[in-house]
Amino acid sequence: MAKTKKNEKQPLYINGRYVVEKELPSKPAKGAKPYEAAKGQLKVTLVKSTLGCLKDQQATVKALGLTKIRTSNVLPDNAATRGMIFKVKHLVAVEEVK
């Protein structure tokens, strides 16, 4: 049997495969807000129920912070938010906040 050194790092086992530590994505710096770079904001309001919608659309509405009909949330105007809004554009109303 071969002995392993205590200082030698073993690869991580994630989602059914081994991942070498140097392949893992780097974490953003503490206090960094990459999605806060946008200056504008959008007010998103849920105007239609998510009953009968696909599961990923229901999850997107929940991720936007909308729970019931006529609830609103002010979000930063960036590519991530716009992509989420585009996915559920038939369920929400969007206004630009100045």
PDB file of N, CA and C in Angstrom:
ATOM      1  N   MET A   1       0.838  -1.187   0.000  1.00  0.00           N
ATOM      2  CA  MET A   1       0.000   0.000   0.000  1.00  0.00           C
ATOM      3  C   MET A   1       0.882   1.249   0.000  1.00  0.00           C
ATOM      4  N   ALA A   2       0.466   2.217  -0.764  1.00  0.00           N
ATOM      5  CA  ALA A   2       1.206   3.472  -0.819  1.00  0.00           C
ATOM      6  C   ALA A   2       0.604   4.439   0.191  1.00  0.00           C
ATOM      7  N   LYS A   3       1.455   5.077   0.947  1.00  0.00           N
ATOM      8  CA  LYS A   3       0.990   6.045   1.927  1.00  0.00           C
ATOM      9  C   LYS A   3       0.902   7.417   1.273  1.00  0.00           C
ATOM     10  N   THR A   4      -0.130   8.165   1.638  1.00  0.00           N
ATOM     11  CA  THR A   4      -0.262   9.528   1.118  1.00  0.00           C
ATOM     12  C   THR A   4       0.270  10.501   2.148  1.00  0.00           C
ATOM     13  N   LYS A   5       0.860  11.555   1.663  1.00  0.00           N
ATOM     14  CA  LYS A   5       1.379  12.576   2.559  1.00  0.00           C
ATOM     15  C   LYS A   5       0.228  13.413   3.096  1.00  0.00           C
ATOM     16  N   LYS A   6       0.385  13.919   4.301  1.00  0.00           N
ATOM     17  CA  LYS A   6      -0.677  14.733   4.889  1.00  0.00           C
ATOM     18  C   LYS A   6      -0.810  16.077   4.196  1.00  0.00           C
ATOM     19  N   ASN A   7       0.274  16.633   3.677  1.00  0.00           N
ATOM     20  CA  ASN A   7       0.241  17.931   3.021  1.00  0.00           C
ATOM     21  C   ASN A   7      -0.282  17.854   1.592  1.00  0.00           C
ATOM     22  N   GLU A   8      -0.304  16.654   1.016  1.00  0.00           N
ATOM     23  CA  GLU A   8      -0.744  16.487  -0.365  1.00  0.00           C
ATOM     24  C   GLU A   8      -2.267  16.591  -0.430  1.00  0.00           C
ATOM     25  N   LYS A   9      -2.763  17.455  -1.293  1.00  0.00           N
ATOM     26  CA  LYS A   9      -4.213  17.666  -1.385  1.00  0.00           C
ATOM     27  C   LYS A   9      -4.838  16.624  -2.301  1.00  0.00           C
ATOM     28  N   GLN A  10      -5.943  16.064  -1.858  1.00  0.00           N
ATOM     29  CA  GLN A  10      -6.683  15.099  -2.646  1.00  0.00           C
ATOM     30  C   GLN A  10      -7.688  15.850  -3.526  1.00  0.00           C
ATOM     31  N   PRO A  11      -7.983  15.347  -4.714  1.00  0.00           N
ATOM     32  CA  PRO A  11      -8.977  16.035  -5.551  1.00  0.00           C
ATOM     33  C   PRO A  11     -10.368  15.943  -4.925  1.00  0.00           C
ATOM     34  N   LEU A  12     -11.172  16.948  -5.201  1.00  0.00           N
ATOM     35  CA  LEU A  12     -12.526  16.983  -4.673  1.00  0.00           C
ATOM     36  C   LEU A  12     -13.453  16.155  -5.552  1.00  0.00           C
ATOM     37  N   TYR A  13     -14.445  15.523  -4.944  1.00  0.00           N
ATOM     38  CA  TYR A  13     -15.422  14.724  -5.666  1.00  0.00           C
ATOM     39  C   TYR A  13     -16.735  15.496  -5.677  1.00  0.00           C
ATOM     40  N   ILE A  14     -17.058  16.115  -6.814  1.00  0.00           N
ATOM     41  CA  ILE A  14     -18.248  16.963  -6.923  1.00  0.00           C
ATOM     42  C   ILE A  14     -19.078  16.489  -8.097  1.00  0.00           C
ATOM     43  N   ASN A  15     -20.374  16.280  -7.865  1.00  0.00           N
ATOM     44  CA  ASN A  15     -21.332  15.902  -8.910  1.00  0.00           C
ATOM     45  C   ASN A  15     -20.873  14.690  -9.714  1.00  0.00           C
ATOM     46  N   GLY A  16     -20.339  13.705  -9.029  1.00  0.00           N
ATOM     47  CA  GLY A  16     -19.987  12.464  -9.680  1.00  0.00           C
ATOM     48  C   GLY A  16     -18.669  12.456 -10.428  1.00  0.00           C
ATOM     49  N   ARG A  17     -17.836  13.464 -10.236  1.00  0.00           N
ATOM     50  CA  ARG A  17     -16.527  13.453 -10.885  1.00  0.00           C
ATOM     51  C   ARG A  17     -15.509  14.154 -10.005  1.00  0.00           C
ATOM     52  N   TYR A  18     -14.259  13.839 -10.246  1.00  0.00           N
ATOM     53  CA  TYR A  18     -13.181  14.440  -9.484  1.00  0.00           C
ATOM     54  C   TYR A  18     -12.806  15.785 -10.093  1.00  0.00           C
ATOM     55  N   VAL A  19     -12.637  16.794  -9.241  1.00  0.00           N
ATOM     56  CA  VAL A  19     -12.283  18.132  -9.680  1.00  0.00           C
ATOM     57  C   VAL A  19     -10.997  18.528  -8.978  1.00  0.00           C
ATOM     58  N   VAL A  20     -10.003  18.897  -9.753  1.00  0.00           N
ATOM     59  CA  VAL A  20      -8.749  19.364  -9.182  1.00  0.00           C
ATOM     60  C   VAL A  20      -8.981  20.770  -8.655  1.00  0.00           C
ATOM     61  N   GLU A  21      -8.376  21.101  -7.531  1.00  0.00           N
ATOM     62  CA  GLU A  21      -8.664  22.365  -6.853  1.00  0.00           C
ATOM     63  C   GLU A  21      -8.351  23.581  -7.715  1.00  0.00           C
ATOM     64  N   LYS A  22      -7.332  23.514  -8.546  1.00  0.00           N
ATOM     65  CA  LYS A  22      -6.994  24.674  -9.359  1.00  0.00           C
ATOM     66  C   LYS A  22      -8.032  24.930 -10.461  1.00  0.00           C
ATOM     67  N   GLU A  23      -8.924  23.969 -10.749  1.00  0.00           N
ATOM     68  CA  GLU A  23      -9.960  24.149 -11.744  1.00  0.00           C
ATOM     69  C   GLU A  23     -11.217  24.813 -11.175  1.00  0.00           C
ATOM     70  N   LEU A  24     -11.307  24.906  -9.869  1.00  0.00           N
ATOM     71  CA  LEU A  24     -12.478  25.510  -9.266  1.00  0.00           C
ATOM     72  C   LEU A  24     -12.519  27.006  -9.558  1.00  0.00           C
ATOM     73  N   PRO A  25     -13.705  27.575  -9.757  1.00  0.00           N
ATOM     74  CA  PRO A  25     -13.775  29.010 -10.020  1.00  0.00           C
ATOM     75  C   PRO A  25     -13.360  29.813  -8.801  1.00  0.00           C
ATOM     76  N   SER A  26     -12.772  30.957  -9.049  1.00  0.00           N
ATOM     77  CA  SER A  26     -12.335  31.797  -7.940  1.00  0.00           C
ATOM     78  C   SER A  26     -13.517  32.577  -7.379  1.00  0.00           C
ATOM     79  N   LYS A  27     -13.501  32.794  -6.089  1.00  0.00           N
ATOM     80  CA  LYS A  27     -14.568  33.540  -5.433  1.00  0.00           C
ATOM     81  C   LYS A  27     -14.346  35.034  -5.641  1.00  0.00           C
ATOM     82  N   PRO A  28     -15.420  35.816  -5.740  1.00  0.00           N
ATOM     83  CA  PRO A  28     -15.228  37.263  -5.835  1.00  0.00           C
ATOM     84  C   PRO A  28     -14.677  37.808  -4.519  1.00  0.00           C
ATOM     85  N   ALA A  29     -14.023  38.942  -4.594  1.00  0.00           N
ATOM     86  CA  ALA A  29     -13.449  39.556  -3.404  1.00  0.00           C
ATOM     87  C   ALA A  29     -14.550  39.902  -2.412  1.00  0.00           C
ATOM     88  N   LYS A  30     -14.219  39.884  -1.140  1.00  0.00           N
ATOM     89  CA  LYS A  30     -15.197  40.166  -0.103  1.00  0.00           C
ATOM     90  C   LYS A  30     -15.706  41.600  -0.253  1.00  0.00           C
ATOM     91  N   GLY A  31     -17.001  41.759  -0.272  1.00  0.00           N
ATOM     92  CA  GLY A  31     -17.603  43.073  -0.412  1.00  0.00           C
ATOM     93  C   GLY A  31     -17.821  43.483  -1.861  1.00  0.00           C
ATOM     94  N   ALA A  32     -17.346  42.689  -2.809  1.00  0.00           N
ATOM     95  CA  ALA A  32     -17.533  43.024  -4.224  1.00  0.00           C
ATOM     96  C   ALA A  32     -18.975  42.743  -4.630  1.00  0.00           C
ATOM     97  N   LYS A  33     -19.548  43.634  -5.395  1.00  0.00           N
ATOM     98  CA  LYS A  33     -20.918  43.469  -5.879  1.00  0.00           C
ATOM     99  C   LYS A  33     -20.898  43.582  -7.404  1.00  0.00           C
ATOM    100  N   PRO A  34     -20.664  42.474  -8.110  1.00  0.00           N
ATOM    101  CA  PRO A  34     -20.516  42.554  -9.560  1.00  0.00           C
ATOM    102  C   PRO A  34     -21.782  42.976 -10.283  1.00  0.00           C
ATOM    103  N   TYR A  35     -22.955  42.683  -9.724  1.00  0.00           N
ATOM    104  CA  TYR A  35     -24.204  43.029 -10.398  1.00  0.00           C
ATOM    105  C   TYR A  35     -24.695  44.425 -10.038  1.00  0.00           C
ATOM    106  N   GLU A  36     -24.007  45.111  -9.149  1.00  0.00           N
ATOM    107  CA  GLU A  36     -24.414  46.450  -8.749  1.00  0.00           C
ATOM    108  C   GLU A  36     -23.775  47.533  -9.617  1.00  0.00           C
ATOM    109  N   ALA A  37     -23.089  47.143 -10.675  1.00  0.00           N
ATOM    110  CA  ALA A  37     -22.399  48.112 -11.516  1.00  0.00           C
ATOM    111  C   ALA A  37     -23.376  48.973 -12.324  1.00  0.00           C
ATOM    112  N   ALA A  38     -24.579  48.471 -12.547  1.00  0.00           N
ATOM    113  CA  ALA A  38     -25.548  49.217 -13.346  1.00  0.00           C
ATOM    114  C   ALA A  38     -26.059  50.420 -12.572  1.00  0.00           C
ATOM    115  N   LYS A  39     -26.298  51.520 -13.282  1.00  0.00           N
ATOM    116  CA  LYS A  39     -26.754  52.737 -12.626  1.00  0.00           C
ATOM    117  C   LYS A  39     -28.268  52.793 -12.542  1.00  0.00           C
ATOM    118  N   GLY A  40     -28.955  52.267 -13.540  1.00  0.00           N
ATOM    119  CA  GLY A  40     -30.410  52.315 -13.553  1.00  0.00           C
ATOM    120  C   GLY A  40     -31.017  51.203 -12.736  1.00  0.00           C
ATOM    121  N   GLN A  41     -32.308  51.344 -12.482  1.00  0.00           N
ATOM    122  CA  GLN A  41     -33.034  50.314 -11.754  1.00  0.00           C
ATOM    123  C   GLN A  41     -34.347  50.043 -12.460  1.00  0.00           C
ATOM    124  N   LEU A  42     -34.866  48.844 -12.278  1.00  0.00           N
ATOM    125  CA  LEU A  42     -36.128  48.440 -12.875  1.00  0.00           C
ATOM    126  C   LEU A  42     -37.096  48.017 -11.783  1.00  0.00           C
ATOM    127  N   LYS A  43     -38.344  48.439 -11.928  1.00  0.00           N
ATOM    128  CA  LYS A  43     -39.388  47.994 -11.008  1.00  0.00           C
ATOM    129  C   LYS A  43     -40.174  46.904 -11.723  1.00  0.00           C
ATOM    130  N   VAL A  44     -40.139  45.703 -11.163  1.00  0.00           N
ATOM    131  CA  VAL A  44     -40.793  44.550 -11.765  1.00  0.00           C
ATOM    132  C   VAL A  44     -42.012  44.203 -10.930  1.00  0.00           C
ATOM    133  N   THR A  45     -43.175  44.067 -11.586  1.00  0.00           N
ATOM    134  CA  THR A  45     -44.427  43.760 -10.898  1.00  0.00           C
ATOM    135  C   THR A  45     -45.026  42.496 -11.501  1.00  0.00           C
ATOM    136  N   LEU A  46     -45.433  41.573 -10.651  1.00  0.00           N
ATOM    137  CA  LEU A  46     -46.088  40.349 -11.111  1.00  0.00           C
ATOM    138  C   LEU A  46     -47.550  40.658 -11.403  1.00  0.00           C
ATOM    139  N   VAL A  47     -47.998  40.443 -12.651  1.00  0.00           N
ATOM    140  CA  VAL A  47     -49.372  40.786 -13.035  1.00  0.00           C
ATOM    141  C   VAL A  47     -50.194  39.556 -13.385  1.00  0.00           C
ATOM    142  N   LYS A  48     -49.552  38.399 -13.505  1.00  0.00           N
ATOM    143  CA  LYS A  48     -50.270  37.183 -13.857  1.00  0.00           C
ATOM    144  C   LYS A  48     -49.760  36.036 -12.998  1.00  0.00           C
ATOM    145  N   SER A  49     -50.633  35.103 -12.684  1.00  0.00           N
ATOM    146  CA  SER A  49     -50.280  33.997 -11.809  1.00  0.00           C
ATOM    147  C   SER A  49     -49.302  33.041 -12.474  1.00  0.00           C
ATOM    148  N   THR A  50     -48.500  32.377 -11.640  1.00  0.00           N
ATOM    149  CA  THR A  50     -47.547  31.397 -12.144  1.00  0.00           C
ATOM    150  C   THR A  50     -48.128  29.990 -12.196  1.00  0.00           C
ATOM    151  N   LEU A  51     -49.395  29.835 -11.820  1.00  0.00           N
ATOM    152  CA  LEU A  51     -50.036  28.526 -11.915  1.00  0.00           C
ATOM    153  C   LEU A  51     -50.103  28.109 -13.377  1.00  0.00           C
ATOM    154  N   GLY A  52     -49.713  26.891 -13.657  1.00  0.00           N
ATOM    155  CA  GLY A  52     -49.737  26.393 -15.024  1.00  0.00           C
ATOM    156  C   GLY A  52     -48.488  26.716 -15.807  1.00  0.00           C
ATOM    157  N   CYS A  53     -47.567  27.464 -15.219  1.00  0.00           N
ATOM    158  CA  CYS A  53     -46.310  27.795 -15.904  1.00  0.00           C
ATOM    159  C   CYS A  53     -45.296  26.680 -15.683  1.00  0.00           C
ATOM    160  N   LEU A  54     -44.242  26.731 -16.456  1.00  0.00           N
ATOM    161  CA  LEU A  54     -43.164  25.775 -16.296  1.00  0.00           C
ATOM    162  C   LEU A  54     -42.445  26.000 -14.968  1.00  0.00           C
ATOM    163  N   LYS A  55     -41.805  24.946 -14.470  1.00  0.00           N
ATOM    164  CA  LYS A  55     -41.119  25.028 -13.175  1.00  0.00           C
ATOM    165  C   LYS A  55     -39.991  26.051 -13.201  1.00  0.00           C
ATOM    166  N   ASP A  56     -39.263  26.143 -14.318  1.00  0.00           N
ATOM    167  CA  ASP A  56     -38.160  27.101 -14.368  1.00  0.00           C
ATOM    168  C   ASP A  56     -38.679  28.535 -14.402  1.00  0.00           C
ATOM    169  N   GLN A  57     -39.862  28.754 -14.982  1.00  0.00           N
ATOM    170  CA  GLN A  57     -40.451  30.092 -14.964  1.00  0.00           C
ATOM    171  C   GLN A  57     -40.929  30.454 -13.554  1.00  0.00           C
ATOM    172  N   GLN A  58     -41.485  29.493 -12.840  1.00  0.00           N
ATOM    173  CA  GLN A  58     -41.897  29.728 -11.457  1.00  0.00           C
ATOM    174  C   GLN A  58     -40.679  30.052 -10.596  1.00  0.00           C
ATOM    175  N   ALA A  59     -39.583  29.355 -10.808  1.00  0.00           N
ATOM    176  CA  ALA A  59     -38.362  29.612 -10.051  1.00  0.00           C
ATOM    177  C   ALA A  59     -37.785  30.980 -10.386  1.00  0.00           C
ATOM    178  N   THR A  60     -37.909  31.402 -11.640  1.00  0.00           N
ATOM    179  CA  THR A  60     -37.406  32.713 -12.048  1.00  0.00           C
ATOM    180  C   THR A  60     -38.202  33.824 -11.381  1.00  0.00           C
ATOM    181  N   VAL A  61     -39.523  33.672 -11.326  1.00  0.00           N
ATOM    182  CA  VAL A  61     -40.366  34.672 -10.663  1.00  0.00           C
ATOM    183  C   VAL A  61     -40.011  34.757  -9.185  1.00  0.00           C
ATOM    184  N   LYS A  62     -39.772  33.622  -8.564  1.00  0.00           N
ATOM    185  CA  LYS A  62     -39.387  33.605  -7.154  1.00  0.00           C
ATOM    186  C   LYS A  62     -38.027  34.260  -6.956  1.00  0.00           C
ATOM    187  N   ALA A  63     -37.095  34.024  -7.889  1.00  0.00           N
ATOM    188  CA  ALA A  63     -35.763  34.626  -7.802  1.00  0.00           C
ATOM    189  C   ALA A  63     -35.814  36.140  -8.001  1.00  0.00           C
ATOM    190  N   LEU A  64     -36.810  36.624  -8.729  1.00  0.00           N
ATOM    191  CA  LEU A  64     -36.992  38.066  -8.888  1.00  0.00           C
ATOM    192  C   LEU A  64     -37.567  38.699  -7.626  1.00  0.00           C
ATOM    193  N   GLY A  65     -37.974  37.886  -6.665  1.00  0.00           N
ATOM    194  CA  GLY A  65     -38.494  38.406  -5.405  1.00  0.00           C
ATOM    195  C   GLY A  65     -39.987  38.660  -5.447  1.00  0.00           C
ATOM    196  N   LEU A  66     -40.680  38.030  -6.389  1.00  0.00           N
ATOM    197  CA  LEU A  66     -42.122  38.232  -6.532  1.00  0.00           C
ATOM    198  C   LEU A  66     -42.846  36.990  -6.024  1.00  0.00           C
ATOM    199  N   THR A  67     -43.821  37.209  -5.135  1.00  0.00           N
ATOM    200  CA  THR A  67     -44.516  36.069  -4.542  1.00  0.00           C
ATOM    201  C   THR A  67     -45.988  36.020  -4.921  1.00  0.00           C
ATOM    202  N   LYS A  68     -46.676  37.142  -4.829  1.00  0.00           N
ATOM    203  CA  LYS A  68     -48.105  37.191  -5.128  1.00  0.00           C
ATOM    204  C   LYS A  68     -48.359  38.178  -6.264  1.00  0.00           C
ATOM    205  N   ILE A  69     -49.533  38.098  -6.832  1.00  0.00           N
ATOM    206  CA  ILE A  69     -49.907  39.034  -7.892  1.00  0.00           C
ATOM    207  C   ILE A  69     -49.936  40.449  -7.311  1.00  0.00           C
ATOM    208  N   ARG A  70     -49.458  41.406  -8.087  1.00  0.00           N
ATOM    209  CA  ARG A  70     -49.351  42.828  -7.750  1.00  0.00           C
ATOM    210  C   ARG A  70     -48.250  43.120  -6.732  1.00  0.00           C
ATOM    211  N   THR A  71     -47.344  42.181  -6.500  1.00  0.00           N
ATOM    212  CA  THR A  71     -46.171  42.507  -5.686  1.00  0.00           C
ATOM    213  C   THR A  71     -45.087  43.054  -6.614  1.00  0.00           C
ATOM    214  N   SER A  72     -44.308  43.991  -6.100  1.00  0.00           N
ATOM    215  CA  SER A  72     -43.268  44.639  -6.899  1.00  0.00           C
ATOM    216  C   SER A  72     -41.925  44.512  -6.220  1.00  0.00           C
ATOM    217  N   ASN A  73     -40.874  44.648  -7.013  1.00  0.00           N
ATOM    218  CA  ASN A  73     -39.521  44.618  -6.498  1.00  0.00           C
ATOM    219  C   ASN A  73     -38.667  45.504  -7.393  1.00  0.00           C
ATOM    220  N   VAL A  74     -37.803  46.300  -6.789  1.00  0.00           N
ATOM    221  CA  VAL A  74     -36.892  47.154  -7.540  1.00  0.00           C
ATOM    222  C   VAL A  74     -35.555  46.439  -7.627  1.00  0.00           C
ATOM    223  N   LEU A  75     -35.087  46.223  -8.867  1.00  0.00           N
ATOM    224  CA  LEU A  75     -33.874  45.457  -9.120  1.00  0.00           C
ATOM    225  C   LEU A  75     -32.910  46.279  -9.960  1.00  0.00           C
ATOM    226  N   PRO A  76     -31.601  45.977  -9.892  1.00  0.00           N
ATOM    227  CA  PRO A  76     -30.639  46.704 -10.731  1.00  0.00           C
ATOM    228  C   PRO A  76     -30.834  46.354 -12.201  1.00  0.00           C
ATOM    229  N   ASP A  77     -30.603  47.334 -13.043  1.00  0.00           N
ATOM    230  CA  ASP A  77     -30.756  47.149 -14.485  1.00  0.00           C
ATOM    231  C   ASP A  77     -29.441  46.613 -15.043  1.00  0.00           C
ATOM    232  N   ASN A  78     -29.340  45.290 -15.160  1.00  0.00           N
ATOM    233  CA  ASN A  78     -28.146  44.668 -15.719  1.00  0.00           C
ATOM    234  C   ASN A  78     -28.553  43.481 -16.580  1.00  0.00           C
ATOM    235  N   ALA A  79     -27.585  42.837 -17.180  1.00  0.00           N
ATOM    236  CA  ALA A  79     -27.857  41.749 -18.109  1.00  0.00           C
ATOM    237  C   ALA A  79     -28.527  40.557 -17.418  1.00  0.00           C
ATOM    238  N   ALA A  80     -28.139  40.261 -16.192  1.00  0.00           N
ATOM    239  CA  ALA A  80     -28.714  39.127 -15.476  1.00  0.00           C
ATOM    240  C   ALA A  80     -30.195  39.357 -15.194  1.00  0.00           C
ATOM    241  N   THR A  81     -30.527  40.550 -14.730  1.00  0.00           N
ATOM    242  CA  THR A  81     -31.922  40.869 -14.426  1.00  0.00           C
ATOM    243  C   THR A  81     -32.757  40.903 -15.700  1.00  0.00           C
ATOM    244  N   ARG A  82     -32.225  41.492 -16.748  1.00  0.00           N
ATOM    245  CA  ARG A  82     -32.971  41.566 -18.014  1.00  0.00           C
ATOM    246  C   ARG A  82     -33.213  40.182 -18.598  1.00  0.00           C
ATOM    247  N   GLY A  83     -32.265  39.271 -18.442  1.00  0.00           N
ATOM    248  CA  GLY A  83     -32.454  37.906 -18.917  1.00  0.00           C
ATOM    249  C   GLY A  83     -33.551  37.190 -18.158  1.00  0.00           C
ATOM    250  N   MET A  84     -33.610  37.420 -16.849  1.00  0.00           N
ATOM    251  CA  MET A  84     -34.674  36.815 -16.050  1.00  0.00           C
ATOM    252  C   MET A  84     -36.030  37.384 -16.434  1.00  0.00           C
ATOM    253  N   ILE A  85     -36.083  38.692 -16.657  1.00  0.00           N
ATOM    254  CA  ILE A  85     -37.344  39.337 -17.049  1.00  0.00           C
ATOM    255  C   ILE A  85     -37.794  38.824 -18.415  1.00  0.00           C
ATOM    256  N   PHE A  86     -36.854  38.649 -19.335  1.00  0.00           N
ATOM    257  CA  PHE A  86     -37.199  38.162 -20.668  1.00  0.00           C
ATOM    258  C   PHE A  86     -37.823  36.774 -20.604  1.00  0.00           C
ATOM    259  N   LYS A  87     -37.371  35.958 -19.665  1.00  0.00           N
ATOM    260  CA  LYS A  87     -37.876  34.594 -19.546  1.00  0.00           C
ATOM    261  C   LYS A  87     -39.335  34.568 -19.083  1.00  0.00           C
ATOM    262  N   VAL A  88     -39.729  35.556 -18.277  1.00  0.00           N
ATOM    263  CA  VAL A  88     -41.097  35.588 -17.741  1.00  0.00           C
ATOM    264  C   VAL A  88     -41.820  36.863 -18.163  1.00  0.00           C
ATOM    265  N   LYS A  89     -41.530  37.365 -19.356  1.00  0.00           N
ATOM    266  CA  LYS A  89     -42.082  38.638 -19.806  1.00  0.00           C
ATOM    267  C   LYS A  89     -43.600  38.615 -19.921  1.00  0.00           C
ATOM    268  N   HIS A  90     -44.202  37.431 -20.080  1.00  0.00           N
ATOM    269  CA  HIS A  90     -45.653  37.328 -20.184  1.00  0.00           C
ATOM    270  C   HIS A  90     -46.338  37.360 -18.821  1.00  0.00           C
ATOM    271  N   LEU A  91     -45.560  37.336 -17.737  1.00  0.00           N
ATOM    272  CA  LEU A  91     -46.123  37.326 -16.386  1.00  0.00           C
ATOM    273  C   LEU A  91     -45.893  38.631 -15.628  1.00  0.00           C
ATOM    274  N   VAL A  92     -44.975  39.468 -16.103  1.00  0.00           N
ATOM    275  CA  VAL A  92     -44.583  40.639 -15.340  1.00  0.00           C
ATOM    276  C   VAL A  92     -44.754  41.921 -16.147  1.00  0.00           C
ATOM    277  N   ALA A  93     -44.823  43.033 -15.409  1.00  0.00           N
ATOM    278  CA  ALA A  93     -44.787  44.374 -15.988  1.00  0.00           C
ATOM    279  C   ALA A  93     -43.533  45.043 -15.470  1.00  0.00           C
ATOM    280  N   VAL A  94     -42.852  45.797 -16.349  1.00  0.00           N
ATOM    281  CA  VAL A  94     -41.561  46.394 -15.992  1.00  0.00           C
ATOM    282  C   VAL A  94     -41.623  47.889 -16.206  1.00  0.00           C
ATOM    283  N   GLU A  95     -41.127  48.635 -15.204  1.00  0.00           N
ATOM    284  CA  GLU A  95     -41.019  50.097 -15.298  1.00  0.00           C
ATOM    285  C   GLU A  95     -39.593  50.487 -14.976  1.00  0.00           C
ATOM    286  N   GLU A  96     -39.126  51.549 -15.606  1.00  0.00           N
ATOM    287  CA  GLU A  96     -37.792  52.051 -15.305  1.00  0.00           C
ATOM    288  C   GLU A  96     -37.884  53.055 -14.154  1.00  0.00           C
ATOM    289  N   VAL A  97     -37.024  52.891 -13.151  1.00  0.00           N
ATOM    290  CA  VAL A  97     -37.009  53.777 -11.991  1.00  0.00           C
ATOM    291  C   VAL A  97     -35.833  54.729 -12.152  1.00  0.00           C
ATOM    292  N   LYS A  98     -36.075  56.009 -11.932  1.00  0.00           N
ATOM    293  CA  LYS A  98     -34.993  56.992 -12.069  1.00  0.00           C
ATOM    294  C   LYS A  98     -34.483  57.428 -10.712  1.00  0.00           C
TER     295      LYS A  98
END
